[in-house]
Amino acid sequence: MIREDLLEILRCPECVQDKEGNLKLYKETWLICQEEDCGRKYPIRDDIPVMLIDEGDKWIDTDEEDLPVPPPED
């Protein structure tokens, strides 16, 4: 589980360069960028957020409701 204080400082690595890049926790297993034009989704595996832009890109076209819980291991 991601601690609340960690969630407050984590940002989307793509968006944080020129926007806020705030993330929301989804079903304790995904971090989803809240920027309107982003949509990247970062899996949390073994309580560790995988904050790689390439990983977020894999799920950009997947709706929240369709994200696998738990995220698949790569």
Protein backbone atom coordinates (compact mmCIF):
# COMPACT_ATOMS: atom_id res chain seq x y z
CA MET A 1 0.00 0.00 0.00
CA ILE A 2 1.25 3.49 -0.89
CA ARG A 3 1.55 5.82 2.08
CA GLU A 4 -0.44 9.04 1.84
CA ASP A 5 2.66 11.23 2.31
CA LEU A 6 4.40 9.47 -0.60
CA LEU A 7 1.35 9.87 -2.80
CA GLU A 8 1.43 13.61 -2.13
CA ILE A 9 4.93 13.99 -3.58
CA LEU A 10 4.79 11.52 -6.49
CA ARG A 11 4.18 13.10 -9.90
CA CYS A 12 3.79 11.84 -13.46
CA PRO A 13 7.38 11.87 -14.79
CA GLU A 14 6.20 13.04 -18.23
CA CYS A 15 3.90 15.86 -17.10
CA VAL A 16 5.90 17.23 -14.16
CA GLN A 17 8.27 18.94 -16.61
CA ASP A 18 5.70 21.62 -17.49
CA LYS A 19 2.56 20.87 -15.43
CA GLU A 20 1.65 19.67 -11.96
CA GLY A 21 1.46 15.99 -12.93
CA ASN A 22 -0.71 15.02 -9.96
CA LEU A 23 -1.54 11.35 -9.60
CA LYS A 24 -4.52 9.60 -8.10
CA LEU A 25 -4.46 6.18 -6.51
CA TYR A 26 -6.80 3.70 -8.17
CA LYS A 27 -7.74 0.44 -6.45
CA GLU A 28 -4.47 0.50 -4.48
CA THR A 29 -2.69 -0.88 -7.57
CA TRP A 30 -2.44 1.99 -10.07
CA LEU A 31 -1.34 5.63 -10.11
CA ILE A 32 -3.18 7.62 -12.78
CA CYS A 33 -2.05 11.01 -14.04
CA GLN A 34 -4.73 13.66 -13.56
CA GLU A 35 -3.56 15.97 -16.36
CA GLU A 36 -6.32 16.29 -18.94
CA ASP A 37 -4.15 15.50 -21.96
CA CYS A 38 -2.02 12.73 -20.40
CA GLY A 39 -3.82 9.58 -19.29
CA ARG A 40 -0.71 7.62 -18.32
CA LYS A 41 -1.26 4.88 -15.78
CA TYR A 42 1.56 3.52 -13.64
CA PRO A 43 1.26 0.10 -11.99
CA ILE A 44 2.15 -0.58 -8.38
CA ARG A 45 3.90 -3.94 -8.05
CA ASP A 46 4.87 -5.36 -4.67
CA ASP A 47 3.98 -1.98 -3.11
CA ILE A 48 6.47 -0.20 -5.43
CA PRO A 49 5.19 2.32 -8.00
CA VAL A 50 6.71 1.71 -11.43
CA MET A 51 7.15 5.35 -12.46
CA LEU A 52 8.76 4.84 -15.88
CA ILE A 53 7.27 6.85 -18.75
CA ASP A 54 7.44 3.78 -21.01
CA GLU A 55 5.39 1.83 -18.46
CA GLY A 56 2.79 4.59 -18.25
CA ASP A 57 2.61 4.69 -22.06
CA LYS A 58 1.61 1.01 -22.21
CA TRP A 59 -1.68 1.78 -20.44
CA ILE A 60 -2.48 5.22 -21.87
CA ASP A 61 -5.38 3.96 -23.99
CA THR A 62 -6.83 1.68 -21.30
CA ASP A 63 -9.86 2.97 -19.40
CA GLU A 64 -9.61 2.96 -15.61
CA GLU A 65 -12.34 0.34 -15.33
CA ASP A 66 -10.40 -1.98 -17.65
CA LEU A 67 -7.08 -1.88 -15.78
CA PRO A 68 -6.11 -5.33 -14.54
CA VAL A 69 -6.04 -5.71 -10.77
CA PRO A 70 -3.43 -6.66 -9.77
CA PRO A 71 -1.23 -5.29 -12.57
CA PRO A 72 0.50 -7.96 -14.66
CA GLU A 73 4.13 -8.70 -13.99
CA ASP A 74 6.40 -7.79 -16.88
